[in-house]
Structures are given as structure tokens and as C-alpha cells.
PDB file of N, CA and C in Angstrom:
ATOM      1  N   UNK A   1      89.746 -42.316 -93.681  1.00  0.00           N
ATOM      2  CA  UNK A   1      89.135 -41.589 -94.159  1.00  0.00           C
ATOM      3  C   UNK A   1      88.086 -40.501 -93.447  1.00  0.00           C
ATOM      4  N   UNK A   2      87.221 -41.645 -92.630  1.00  0.00           N
ATOM      5  CA  UNK A   2      86.321 -41.111 -92.099  1.00  0.00           C
ATOM      6  C   UNK A   2      86.275 -40.572 -90.938  1.00  0.00           C
ATOM      7  N   UNK A   3      87.923 -40.911 -89.836  1.00  0.00           N
ATOM      8  CA  UNK A   3      87.932 -40.198 -88.628  1.00  0.00           C
ATOM      9  C   UNK A   3      88.408 -38.969 -88.890  1.00  0.00           C
ATOM     10  N   UNK A   4      88.988 -38.521 -90.378  1.00  0.00           N
ATOM     11  CA  UNK A   4      88.938 -36.699 -90.801  1.00  0.00           C
ATOM     12  C   UNK A   4      88.184 -36.389 -91.038  1.00  0.00           C
ATOM     13  N   UNK A   5      86.837 -37.038 -91.333  1.00  0.00           N
ATOM     14  CA  UNK A   5      85.409 -36.108 -91.603  1.00  0.00           C
ATOM     15  C   UNK A   5      85.920 -36.063 -92.741  1.00  0.00           C
ATOM     16  N   UNK A   6      86.141 -36.376 -93.530  1.00  0.00           N
ATOM     17  CA  UNK A   6      86.409 -36.395 -95.421  1.00  0.00           C
ATOM     18  C   UNK A   6      84.936 -36.804 -95.493  1.00  0.00           C
ATOM     19  N   UNK A   7      84.436 -36.032 -95.694  1.00  0.00           N
ATOM     20  CA  UNK A   7      83.170 -36.473 -97.116  1.00  0.00           C
ATOM     21  C   UNK A   7      83.478 -36.850 -98.926  1.00  0.00           C
ATOM     22  N   UNK A   8      83.856 -37.903 -98.478  1.00  0.00           N
ATOM     23  CA  UNK A   8      83.536 -38.378-100.246  1.00  0.00           C
ATOM     24  C   UNK A   8      82.483 -38.409-101.227  1.00  0.00           C
ATOM     25  N   UNK A   9      81.282 -38.535-100.115  1.00  0.00           N
ATOM     26  CA  UNK A   9      80.288 -38.395-101.068  1.00  0.00           C
ATOM     27  C   UNK A   9      80.323 -36.855-102.124  1.00  0.00           C
ATOM     28  N   UNK A  10      80.773 -36.053-101.492  1.00  0.00           N
ATOM     29  CA  UNK A  10      81.123 -34.153-101.871  1.00  0.00           C
ATOM     30  C   UNK A  10      82.430 -34.511-103.207  1.00  0.00           C
ATOM     31  N   UNK A  11      83.310 -34.944-102.622  1.00  0.00           N
ATOM     32  CA  UNK A  11      84.195 -35.161-103.761  1.00  0.00           C
ATOM     33  C   UNK A  11      84.937 -36.311-103.603  1.00  0.00           C
ATOM     34  N   UNK A  12      84.455 -37.330-104.436  1.00  0.00           N
ATOM     35  CA  UNK A  12      84.916 -38.443-104.275  1.00  0.00           C
ATOM     36  C   UNK A  12      86.349 -38.715-104.843  1.00  0.00           C
ATOM     37  N   UNK A  13      86.885 -39.994-103.973  1.00  0.00           N
ATOM     38  CA  UNK A  13      88.284 -39.581-104.426  1.00  0.00           C
ATOM     39  C   UNK A  13      88.818 -39.743-106.059  1.00  0.00           C
ATOM     40  N   UNK A  14      88.026 -40.428-107.044  1.00  0.00           N
ATOM     41  CA  UNK A  14      88.401 -40.255-108.488  1.00  0.00           C
ATOM     42  C   UNK A  14      88.043 -38.531-108.730  1.00  0.00           C
ATOM     43  N   UNK A  15      87.475 -37.651-108.436  1.00  0.00           N
ATOM     44  CA  UNK A  15      87.132 -36.298-109.272  1.00  0.00           C
ATOM     45  C   UNK A  15      88.654 -35.517-108.192  1.00  0.00           C
ATOM     46  N   UNK A  16      89.344 -36.263-107.343  1.00  0.00           N
ATOM     47  CA  UNK A  16      90.197 -35.280-106.840  1.00  0.00           C
ATOM     48  C   UNK A  16      91.124 -34.993-108.357  1.00  0.00           C
ATOM     49  N   UNK A  17      91.671 -33.266-107.566  1.00  0.00           N
ATOM     50  CA  UNK A  17      92.643 -33.106-109.068  1.00  0.00           C
ATOM     51  C   UNK A  17      93.696 -32.445-107.988  1.00  0.00           C
ATOM     52  N   UNK A  18      94.871 -32.095-108.943  1.00  0.00           N
ATOM     53  CA  UNK A  18      95.958 -32.129-108.520  1.00  0.00           C
ATOM     54  C   UNK A  18      95.657 -30.161-107.932  1.00  0.00           C
ATOM     55  N   UNK A  19      94.946 -29.536-108.971  1.00  0.00           N
ATOM     56  CA  UNK A  19      94.541 -27.767-108.510  1.00  0.00           C
ATOM     57  C   UNK A  19      93.947 -28.026-107.013  1.00  0.00           C
ATOM     58  N   UNK A  20      92.919 -29.431-106.789  1.00  0.00           N
ATOM     59  CA  UNK A  20      92.276 -28.933-105.763  1.00  0.00           C
ATOM     60  C   UNK A  20      93.060 -29.025-104.295  1.00  0.00           C
ATOM     61  N   UNK A  21      93.783 -30.234-104.371  1.00  0.00           N
ATOM     62  CA  UNK A  21      94.759 -30.454-103.334  1.00  0.00           C
ATOM     63  C   UNK A  21      95.631 -29.840-103.059  1.00  0.00           C
ATOM     64  N   UNK A  22      96.187 -28.701-104.033  1.00  0.00           N
ATOM     65  CA  UNK A  22      96.995 -27.427-103.763  1.00  0.00           C
ATOM     66  C   UNK A  22      95.934 -26.612-103.222  1.00  0.00           C
ATOM     67  N   UNK A  23      94.862 -26.193-103.416  1.00  0.00           N
ATOM     68  CA  UNK A  23      94.344 -25.240-102.826  1.00  0.00           C
ATOM     69  C   UNK A  23      93.965 -25.502-101.565  1.00  0.00           C
ATOM     70  N   UNK A  24      94.023 -26.794-101.480  1.00  0.00           N
ATOM     71  CA  UNK A  24      93.676 -27.323-100.346  1.00  0.00           C
ATOM     72  C   UNK A  24      94.816 -26.773 -98.866  1.00  0.00           C
ATOM     73  N   UNK A  25      96.083 -27.580 -99.509  1.00  0.00           N
ATOM     74  CA  UNK A  25      97.279 -26.846 -99.107  1.00  0.00           C
ATOM     75  C   UNK A  25      98.260 -25.563 -98.708  1.00  0.00           C
ATOM     76  N   UNK A  26      97.517 -24.843-100.036  1.00  0.00           N
ATOM     77  CA  UNK A  26      97.417 -23.376 -99.661  1.00  0.00           C
ATOM     78  C   UNK A  26      96.781 -23.040 -98.577  1.00  0.00           C
ATOM     79  N   UNK A  27      95.370 -23.078 -98.791  1.00  0.00           N
ATOM     80  CA  UNK A  27      94.910 -22.982 -97.291  1.00  0.00           C
ATOM     81  C   UNK A  27      95.579 -23.317 -96.055  1.00  0.00           C
ATOM     82  N   UNK A  28      95.289 -24.204 -95.918  1.00  0.00           N
ATOM     83  CA  UNK A  28      96.643 -25.108 -94.505  1.00  0.00           C
ATOM     84  C   UNK A  28      97.959 -23.714 -94.447  1.00  0.00           C
ATOM     85  N   UNK A  29      98.816 -24.216 -95.284  1.00  0.00           N
ATOM     86  CA  UNK A  29      99.763 -22.655 -95.213  1.00  0.00           C
ATOM     87  C   UNK A  29      99.254 -21.420 -94.865  1.00  0.00           C
ATOM     88  N   UNK A  30      98.175 -21.041 -95.426  1.00  0.00           N
ATOM     89  CA  UNK A  30      97.850 -19.415 -94.441  1.00  0.00           C
ATOM     90  C   UNK A  30      97.426 -19.824 -93.200  1.00  0.00           C
ATOM     91  N   UNK A  31      96.593 -20.503 -92.896  1.00  0.00           N
ATOM     92  CA  UNK A  31      96.286 -20.925 -91.603  1.00  0.00           C
ATOM     93  C   UNK A  31      97.738 -20.958 -90.549  1.00  0.00           C
ATOM     94  N   UNK A  32      98.524 -21.355 -90.929  1.00  0.00           N
ATOM     95  CA  UNK A  32      99.694 -22.179 -90.371  1.00  0.00           C
ATOM     96  C   UNK A  32     100.650 -20.626 -90.337  1.00  0.00           C
ATOM     97  N   UNK A  33     100.843 -19.688 -91.241  1.00  0.00           N
ATOM     98  CA  UNK A  33     100.878 -19.024 -91.223  1.00  0.00           C
ATOM     99  C   UNK A  33     100.554 -17.633 -90.167  1.00  0.00           C
ATOM    100  N   UNK A  34      99.348 -17.854 -89.863  1.00  0.00           N
ATOM    101  CA  UNK A  34      98.333 -17.093 -89.017  1.00  0.00           C
ATOM    102  C   UNK A  34      98.509 -17.282 -87.806  1.00  0.00           C
ATOM    103  N   UNK A  35      98.821 -19.054 -87.449  1.00  0.00           N
ATOM    104  CA  UNK A  35      98.232 -19.577 -86.062  1.00  0.00           C
ATOM    105  C   UNK A  35     100.147 -19.070 -85.358  1.00  0.00           C
ATOM    106  N   UNK A  36     101.273 -18.825 -86.530  1.00  0.00           N
ATOM    107  CA  UNK A  36     102.241 -19.199 -86.297  1.00  0.00           C
ATOM    108  C   UNK A  36     102.676 -17.141 -85.895  1.00  0.00           C
ATOM    109  N   UNK A  37     102.607 -16.161 -86.962  1.00  0.00           N
ATOM    110  CA  UNK A  37     102.644 -15.241 -86.233  1.00  0.00           C
ATOM    111  C   UNK A  37     101.327 -14.441 -86.322  1.00  0.00           C
ATOM    112  N   UNK A  38     100.200 -14.325 -85.253  1.00  0.00           N
ATOM    113  CA  UNK A  38      99.171 -13.398 -85.245  1.00  0.00           C
ATOM    114  C   UNK A  38      99.100 -11.912 -86.187  1.00  0.00           C
ATOM    115  N   UNK A  39      99.762 -10.723 -86.624  1.00  0.00           N
ATOM    116  CA  UNK A  39     100.123  -9.707 -86.707  1.00  0.00           C
ATOM    117  C   UNK A  39      99.561 -10.395 -88.236  1.00  0.00           C
ATOM    118  N   UNK A  40      99.956 -11.116 -88.761  1.00  0.00           N
ATOM    119  CA  UNK A  40      99.634 -11.521 -90.207  1.00  0.00           C
ATOM    120  C   UNK A  40      98.160 -11.644 -90.584  1.00  0.00           C
ATOM    121  N   UNK A  41      97.320 -11.757 -89.629  1.00  0.00           N
ATOM    122  CA  UNK A  41      96.149 -11.497 -89.615  1.00  0.00           C
ATOM    123  C   UNK A  41      95.528 -10.458 -89.402  1.00  0.00           C
ATOM    124  N   UNK A  42      96.239  -8.849 -89.187  1.00  0.00           N
ATOM    125  CA  UNK A  42      96.026  -7.929 -89.625  1.00  0.00           C
ATOM    126  C   UNK A  42      96.710  -7.154 -91.002  1.00  0.00           C
ATOM    127  N   UNK A  43      97.748  -7.690 -90.571  1.00  0.00           N
ATOM    128  CA  UNK A  43      99.035  -6.781 -92.355  1.00  0.00           C
ATOM    129  C   UNK A  43      98.351  -7.495 -93.436  1.00  0.00           C
ATOM    130  N   UNK A  44      97.991  -8.902 -93.606  1.00  0.00           N
ATOM    131  CA  UNK A  44      97.987  -9.412 -94.633  1.00  0.00           C
ATOM    132  C   UNK A  44      95.966  -9.419 -95.025  1.00  0.00           C
ATOM    133  N   UNK A  45      95.575  -9.476 -93.560  1.00  0.00           N
ATOM    134  CA  UNK A  45      94.697 -10.279 -94.416  1.00  0.00           C
ATOM    135  C   UNK A  45      92.962  -8.862 -93.608  1.00  0.00           C
ATOM    136  N   UNK A  46      93.626  -8.322 -92.843  1.00  0.00           N
ATOM    137  CA  UNK A  46      92.921  -6.830 -92.532  1.00  0.00           C
ATOM    138  C   UNK A  46      91.973  -7.064 -91.299  1.00  0.00           C
ATOM    139  N   UNK A  47      91.938  -8.010 -90.562  1.00  0.00           N
ATOM    140  CA  UNK A  47      91.259  -8.747 -90.070  1.00  0.00           C
ATOM    141  C   UNK A  47      91.599  -9.401 -88.240  1.00  0.00           C
ATOM    142  N   UNK A  48      90.752  -9.433 -87.089  1.00  0.00           N
ATOM    143  CA  UNK A  48      91.719 -10.371 -86.418  1.00  0.00           C
ATOM    144  C   UNK A  48      92.171 -11.564 -86.153  1.00  0.00           C
ATOM    145  N   UNK A  49      92.295 -12.153 -85.444  1.00  0.00           N
ATOM    146  CA  UNK A  49      92.973 -13.344 -86.290  1.00  0.00           C
ATOM    147  C   UNK A  49      91.532 -14.692 -85.350  1.00  0.00           C
ATOM    148  N   UNK A  50      90.823 -14.822 -84.835  1.00  0.00           N
ATOM    149  CA  UNK A  50      89.664 -15.766 -85.001  1.00  0.00           C
ATOM    150  C   UNK A  50      89.213 -15.393 -86.236  1.00  0.00           C
ATOM    151  N   UNK A  51      89.120 -14.039 -86.890  1.00  0.00           N
ATOM    152  CA  UNK A  51      88.199 -13.758 -87.783  1.00  0.00           C
ATOM    153  C   UNK A  51      88.486 -14.447 -89.328  1.00  0.00           C
ATOM    154  N   UNK A  52      89.739 -14.059 -89.535  1.00  0.00           N
ATOM    155  CA  UNK A  52      90.427 -14.840 -90.153  1.00  0.00           C
ATOM    156  C   UNK A  52      90.957 -16.225 -90.524  1.00  0.00           C
ATOM    157  N   UNK A  53      90.556 -16.811 -88.778  1.00  0.00           N
ATOM    158  CA  UNK A  53      90.998 -18.650 -89.197  1.00  0.00           C
ATOM    159  C   UNK A  53      89.845 -19.071 -89.251  1.00  0.00           C
ATOM    160  N   UNK A  54      88.433 -18.335 -89.238  1.00  0.00           N
ATOM    161  CA  UNK A  54      87.346 -18.726 -89.354  1.00  0.00           C
ATOM    162  C   UNK A  54      86.957 -18.754 -90.503  1.00  0.00           C
ATOM    163  N   UNK A  55      87.354 -17.800 -91.531  1.00  0.00           N
ATOM    164  CA  UNK A  55      87.361 -17.701 -93.083  1.00  0.00           C
ATOM    165  C   UNK A  55      88.057 -18.684 -93.987  1.00  0.00           C
ATOM    166  N   UNK A  56      89.381 -18.586 -93.447  1.00  0.00           N
ATOM    167  CA  UNK A  56      90.297 -19.281 -93.776  1.00  0.00           C
ATOM    168  C   UNK A  56      89.931 -20.816 -93.701  1.00  0.00           C
ATOM    169  N   UNK A  57      89.357 -21.363 -92.557  1.00  0.00           N
ATOM    170  CA  UNK A  57      89.217 -22.549 -92.424  1.00  0.00           C
ATOM    171  C   UNK A  57      87.725 -22.560 -93.063  1.00  0.00           C
ATOM    172  N   UNK A  58      87.099 -22.105 -93.094  1.00  0.00           N
ATOM    173  CA  UNK A  58      85.592 -22.235 -94.037  1.00  0.00           C
ATOM    174  C   UNK A  58      86.213 -22.808 -95.598  1.00  0.00           C
ATOM    175  N   UNK A  59      87.013 -21.817 -96.417  1.00  0.00           N
ATOM    176  CA  UNK A  59      87.304 -21.969 -97.444  1.00  0.00           C
ATOM    177  C   UNK A  59      87.871 -23.208 -97.649  1.00  0.00           C
ATOM    178  N   UNK A  60      88.492 -23.846 -96.844  1.00  0.00           N
ATOM    179  CA  UNK A  60      88.819 -25.032 -96.926  1.00  0.00           C
ATOM    180  C   UNK A  60      88.384 -26.261 -96.572  1.00  0.00           C
ATOM    181  N   UNK A  61      87.302 -26.007 -96.170  1.00  0.00           N
ATOM    182  CA  UNK A  61      86.221 -27.071 -95.905  1.00  0.00           C
ATOM    183  C   UNK A  61      85.492 -26.958 -96.946  1.00  0.00           C
ATOM    184  N   UNK A  62      85.437 -25.900 -97.996  1.00  0.00           N
ATOM    185  CA  UNK A  62      84.432 -25.977 -99.368  1.00  0.00           C
ATOM    186  C   UNK A  62      85.439 -26.506 -99.972  1.00  0.00           C
ATOM    187  N   UNK A  63      86.786 -26.238-100.323  1.00  0.00           N
ATOM    188  CA  UNK A  63      87.858 -27.138-101.415  1.00  0.00           C
ATOM    189  C   UNK A  63      87.885 -28.798-100.777  1.00  0.00           C
ATOM    190  N   UNK A  64      88.303 -28.698 -99.608  1.00  0.00           N
ATOM    191  CA  UNK A  64      88.277 -30.133 -98.822  1.00  0.00           C
ATOM    192  C   UNK A  64      87.013 -30.578 -98.411  1.00  0.00           C
ATOM    193  N   UNK A  65      86.033 -30.985 -98.857  1.00  0.00           N
ATOM    194  CA  UNK A  65      84.673 -31.480 -98.276  1.00  0.00           C
ATOM    195  C   UNK A  65      84.983 -31.939 -97.376  1.00  0.00           C
ATOM    196  N   UNK A  66      84.297 -32.071 -95.669  1.00  0.00           N
ATOM    197  CA  UNK A  66      84.183 -32.723 -94.266  1.00  0.00           C
ATOM    198  C   UNK A  66      82.850 -33.071 -93.739  1.00  0.00           C
ATOM    199  N   UNK A  67      82.195 -34.132 -93.378  1.00  0.00           N
ATOM    200  CA  UNK A  67      81.146 -34.406 -93.092  1.00  0.00           C
ATOM    201  C   UNK A  67      81.221 -34.387 -91.211  1.00  0.00           C
ATOM    202  N   UNK A  68      81.008 -33.169 -90.799  1.00  0.00           N
ATOM    203  CA  UNK A  68      81.046 -32.722 -88.934  1.00  0.00           C
ATOM    204  C   UNK A  68      78.987 -33.408 -88.825  1.00  0.00           C
ATOM    205  N   UNK A  69      78.483 -33.956 -89.633  1.00  0.00           N
ATOM    206  CA  UNK A  69      77.194 -34.081 -89.496  1.00  0.00           C
ATOM    207  C   UNK A  69      76.403 -33.193 -89.345  1.00  0.00           C
ATOM    208  N   UNK A  70      75.496 -33.057 -87.862  1.00  0.00           N
ATOM    209  CA  UNK A  70      74.920 -31.843 -87.911  1.00  0.00           C
ATOM    210  C   UNK A  70      75.947 -31.104 -86.557  1.00  0.00           C
ATOM    211  N   UNK A  71      77.027 -30.830 -86.216  1.00  0.00           N
ATOM    212  CA  UNK A  71      78.138 -30.261 -85.373  1.00  0.00           C
ATOM    213  C   UNK A  71      78.408 -29.050 -86.468  1.00  0.00           C
ATOM    214  N   UNK A  72      79.280 -27.880 -86.062  1.00  0.00           N
ATOM    215  CA  UNK A  72      79.300 -26.735 -86.422  1.00  0.00           C
ATOM    216  C   UNK A  72      80.883 -27.724 -87.341  1.00  0.00           C
ATOM    217  N   UNK A  73      81.246 -26.978 -87.980  1.00  0.00           N
ATOM    218  CA  UNK A  73      83.117 -27.158 -88.465  1.00  0.00           C
ATOM    219  C   UNK A  73      83.846 -26.690 -87.184  1.00  0.00           C
ATOM    220  N   UNK A  74      84.673 -27.145 -87.097  1.00  0.00           N
ATOM    221  CA  UNK A  74      85.789 -26.976 -85.876  1.00  0.00           C
ATOM    222  C   UNK A  74      86.371 -25.949 -86.880  1.00  0.00           C
ATOM    223  N   UNK A  75      86.947 -24.300 -86.256  1.00  0.00           N
ATOM    224  CA  UNK A  75      87.780 -23.468 -86.662  1.00  0.00           C
ATOM    225  C   UNK A  75      88.925 -23.954 -86.466  1.00  0.00           C
ATOM    226  N   UNK A  76      90.172 -24.367 -87.451  1.00  0.00           N
ATOM    227  CA  UNK A  76      90.843 -24.878 -87.192  1.00  0.00           C
ATOM    228  C   UNK A  76      91.734 -23.773 -86.699  1.00  0.00           C
ATOM    229  N   UNK A  77      92.237 -23.930 -85.569  1.00  0.00           N
ATOM    230  CA  UNK A  77      92.731 -23.134 -84.638  1.00  0.00           C
ATOM    231  C   UNK A  77      94.119 -23.492 -83.743  1.00  0.00           C
ATOM    232  N   UNK A  78      94.497 -24.666 -84.373  1.00  0.00           N
ATOM    233  CA  UNK A  78      95.690 -25.011 -83.149  1.00  0.00           C
ATOM    234  C   UNK A  78      96.673 -25.980 -84.635  1.00  0.00           C
ATOM    235  N   UNK A  79      97.823 -25.615 -83.571  1.00  0.00           N
ATOM    236  CA  UNK A  79      98.752 -26.719 -84.696  1.00  0.00           C
ATOM    237  C   UNK A  79      98.844 -28.083 -85.006  1.00  0.00           C
ATOM    238  N   UNK A  80      98.130 -28.819 -83.249  1.00  0.00           N
ATOM    239  CA  UNK A  80      97.644 -29.909 -83.721  1.00  0.00           C
ATOM    240  C   UNK A  80      96.615 -30.324 -84.443  1.00  0.00           C
ATOM    241  N   UNK A  81      95.621 -29.698 -85.370  1.00  0.00           N
ATOM    242  CA  UNK A  81      94.514 -29.835 -85.852  1.00  0.00           C
ATOM    243  C   UNK A  81      94.824 -29.839 -87.428  1.00  0.00           C
ATOM    244  N   UNK A  82      95.935 -28.360 -87.355  1.00  0.00           N
ATOM    245  CA  UNK A  82      96.276 -28.269 -88.589  1.00  0.00           C
ATOM    246  C   UNK A  82      97.558 -29.537 -89.711  1.00  0.00           C
ATOM    247  N   UNK A  83      98.240 -29.830 -88.154  1.00  0.00           N
ATOM    248  CA  UNK A  83      98.592 -31.354 -88.686  1.00  0.00           C
ATOM    249  C   UNK A  83      97.634 -31.924 -89.185  1.00  0.00           C
ATOM    250  N   UNK A  84      96.775 -32.777 -88.695  1.00  0.00           N
ATOM    251  CA  UNK A  84      95.298 -33.438 -88.863  1.00  0.00           C
ATOM    252  C   UNK A  84      95.249 -33.104 -90.343  1.00  0.00           C
ATOM    253  N   UNK A  85      94.969 -32.233 -90.890  1.00  0.00           N
ATOM    254  CA  UNK A  85      94.427 -31.656 -92.130  1.00  0.00           C
ATOM    255  C   UNK A  85      95.397 -31.581 -92.695  1.00  0.00           C
ATOM    256  N   UNK A  86      97.023 -31.670 -92.924  1.00  0.00           N
ATOM    257  CA  UNK A  86      97.974 -31.745 -93.901  1.00  0.00           C
ATOM    258  C   UNK A  86      97.883 -33.270 -93.936  1.00  0.00           C
ATOM    259  N   UNK A  87      97.866 -34.157 -92.994  1.00  0.00           N
ATOM    260  CA  UNK A  87      97.855 -35.583 -93.370  1.00  0.00           C
ATOM    261  C   UNK A  87      96.959 -36.028 -94.010  1.00  0.00           C
ATOM    262  N   UNK A  88      95.441 -35.721 -94.287  1.00  0.00           N
ATOM    263  CA  UNK A  88      94.541 -35.629 -94.764  1.00  0.00           C
ATOM    264  C   UNK A  88      94.972 -35.431 -96.143  1.00  0.00           C
ATOM    265  N   UNK A  89      95.464 -33.775 -96.197  1.00  0.00           N
ATOM    266  CA  UNK A  89      95.560 -33.706 -98.050  1.00  0.00           C
ATOM    267  C   UNK A  89      96.595 -34.992 -98.692  1.00  0.00           C
ATOM    268  N   UNK A  90      97.870 -35.474 -97.470  1.00  0.00           N
ATOM    269  CA  UNK A  90      98.774 -35.909 -98.006  1.00  0.00           C
ATOM    270  C   UNK A  90      97.928 -38.008 -98.298  1.00  0.00           C
ATOM    271  N   UNK A  91      96.916 -37.824 -97.539  1.00  0.00           N
ATOM    272  CA  UNK A  91      96.576 -38.939 -97.539  1.00  0.00           C
ATOM    273  C   UNK A  91      95.813 -38.882 -99.223  1.00  0.00           C
ATOM    274  N   UNK A  92      95.182 -37.751 -98.907  1.00  0.00           N
ATOM    275  CA  UNK A  92      94.453 -37.798-100.330  1.00  0.00           C
ATOM    276  C   UNK A  92      95.061 -37.989-101.912  1.00  0.00           C
ATOM    277  N   UNK A  93      96.024 -37.152-101.119  1.00  0.00           N
ATOM    278  CA  UNK A  93      97.138 -37.454-102.414  1.00  0.00           C
ATOM    279  C   UNK A  93      97.985 -38.428-103.224  1.00  0.00           C
ATOM    280  N   UNK A  94      97.865 -39.011-101.980  1.00  0.00           N
ATOM    281  CA  UNK A  94      98.513 -40.337-102.505  1.00  0.00           C
ATOM    282  C   UNK A  94      97.069 -41.494-102.994  1.00  0.00           C
ATOM    283  N   UNK A  95      95.857 -41.462-102.260  1.00  0.00           N
ATOM    284  CA  UNK A  95      94.709 -41.886-103.557  1.00  0.00           C
ATOM    285  C   UNK A  95      94.548 -41.577-104.863  1.00  0.00           C
ATOM    286  N   UNK A  96      94.852 -40.188-104.787  1.00  0.00           N
ATOM    287  CA  UNK A  96      95.045 -39.274-106.143  1.00  0.00           C
ATOM    288  C   UNK A  96      95.267 -40.087-107.446  1.00  0.00           C
ATOM    289  N   UNK A  97      96.893 -40.564-106.923  1.00  0.00           N
ATOM    290  CA  UNK A  97      97.522 -41.136-108.031  1.00  0.00           C
ATOM    291  C   UNK A  97      97.209 -42.428-107.819  1.00  0.00           C
ATOM    292  N   UNK A  98      96.784 -43.324-107.126  1.00  0.00           N
ATOM    293  CA  UNK A  98      96.413 -44.615-106.982  1.00  0.00           C
ATOM    294  C   UNK A  98      95.257 -44.680-107.705  1.00  0.00           C
ATOM    295  N   UNK A  99      94.547 -43.703-107.644  1.00  0.00           N
ATOM    296  CA  UNK A  99      93.461 -43.681-108.357  1.00  0.00           C
ATOM    297  C   UNK A  99      93.224 -43.482-109.401  1.00  0.00           C
ATOM    298  N   UNK A 100      94.728 -42.662-110.149  1.00  0.00           N
ATOM    299  CA  UNK A 100      95.049 -42.136-111.333  1.00  0.00           C
ATOM    300  C   UNK A 100      95.444 -43.421-112.380  1.00  0.00           C
ATOM    301  N   UNK A 101      96.423 -44.331-111.075  1.00  0.00           N
ATOM    302  CA  UNK A 101      96.757 -45.457-112.238  1.00  0.00           C
ATOM    303  C   UNK A 101      96.068 -46.650-112.345  1.00  0.00           C
ATOM    304  N   UNK A 102      95.283 -46.696-111.475  1.00  0.00           N
ATOM    305  CA  UNK A 102      94.086 -47.740-111.825  1.00  0.00           C
ATOM    306  C   UNK A 102      93.407 -47.552-113.168  1.00  0.00           C
ATOM    307  N   UNK A 103      93.150 -45.949-112.874  1.00  0.00           N
ATOM    308  CA  UNK A 103      92.505 -45.790-114.295  1.00  0.00           C
ATOM    309  C   UNK A 103      92.334 -45.763-115.653  1.00  0.00           C
ATOM    310  N   UNK A 104      94.491 -45.431-115.584  1.00  0.00           N
ATOM    311  CA  UNK A 104      95.264 -45.530-116.889  1.00  0.00           C
ATOM    312  C   UNK A 104      96.106 -46.902-116.672  1.00  0.00           C
ATOM    313  N   UNK A 105      96.431 -47.487-115.953  1.00  0.00           N
ATOM    314  CA  UNK A 105      97.366 -48.622-116.472  1.00  0.00           C
ATOM    315  C   UNK A 105      96.552 -49.916-116.033  1.00  0.00           C
ATOM    316  N   UNK A 106      95.538 -49.794-115.057  1.00  0.00           N
ATOM    317  CA  UNK A 106      95.090 -51.533-114.969  1.00  0.00           C
ATOM    318  C   UNK A 106      94.136 -51.357-116.434  1.00  0.00           C
ATOM    319  N   UNK A 107      93.225 -50.802-117.369  1.00  0.00           N
ATOM    320  CA  UNK A 107      92.813 -51.325-118.343  1.00  0.00           C
ATOM    321  C   UNK A 107      94.245 -51.718-119.199  1.00  0.00           C
ATOM    322  N   UNK A 108      95.377 -51.280-119.122  1.00  0.00           N
ATOM    323  CA  UNK A 108      96.199 -51.478-119.744  1.00  0.00           C
ATOM    324  C   UNK A 108      96.506 -53.024-120.211  1.00  0.00           C
ATOM    325  N   UNK A 109      96.884 -53.674-118.639  1.00  0.00           N
ATOM    326  CA  UNK A 109      97.134 -54.347-117.947  1.00  0.00           C
ATOM    327  C   UNK A 109      96.451 -55.687-118.869  1.00  0.00           C
ATOM    328  N   UNK A 110      95.178 -55.339-118.674  1.00  0.00           N
ATOM    329  CA  UNK A 110      93.895 -56.302-118.479  1.00  0.00           C
ATOM    330  C   UNK A 110      93.962 -56.621-120.163  1.00  0.00           C
ATOM    331  N   UNK A 111      94.212 -55.572-120.881  1.00  0.00           N
ATOM    332  CA  UNK A 111      94.571 -55.899-123.021  1.00  0.00           C
ATOM    333  C   UNK A 111      95.446 -57.341-122.666  1.00  0.00           C
ATOM    334  N   UNK A 112      96.216 -57.639-122.134  1.00  0.00           N
ATOM    335  CA  UNK A 112      97.435 -58.326-122.068  1.00  0.00           C
ATOM    336  C   UNK A 112      97.113 -59.751-122.295  1.00  0.00           C
TER     337      UNK A 112
END
């Protein structure tokens, strides 16, 4: 997770919700649409492609916190970057399920 710059201090894995992951995924879908068809920038968002990518990336990093230290967060402006973030969302979803199981199933097993 650290290699993907995910900031667990701002949003611990136990605090993840399905709606948070869905919001992050939706923002990645919007970024993908703009990367695939730059004309969407003007028709849907009424701004240049670079402005839209900057805004969507900022929104994404707000929903799914990252830690870039003192560096400026990189704009997600390539398919390669988009794939990395999609993998992060997928990993977080799997961890959220595991954390939920630990919270609900493990205490019951300990009672047996």
C-alpha cells in the first residue's frame, strides 16, 4: 500500500466503506472517460482536458487519501497511472472485506 502512496493515517482500513470505494472508483471512471475521449472535457465538464483531469484527480485524492510527502500530487493523466489507482481501489476493497470479517466473524469464533 505504501508503494501506491495510500495514506492509512488519514483513512484507516477499518474506516473504509463501500460508498467511499465506489466514489473513488466513479472518479477513476470519469478520468478514464476524459483520457479516452478528450472531447468529454468540454461537453460534460465545460473545461479543458488538463483542467478536468486536475480537478478529478484532486477529488479522487480527497476521497482516497494518499501521502506524497512534500511533493505535489501527480495528476492522473495516463492509462498507466489510472491502472495503478484502479489496482489500489481493488486492493482496498479486498482489505475492507477482510477487516469486516475480522470484526464480525473472529469474535464469534473466539466464543466457541
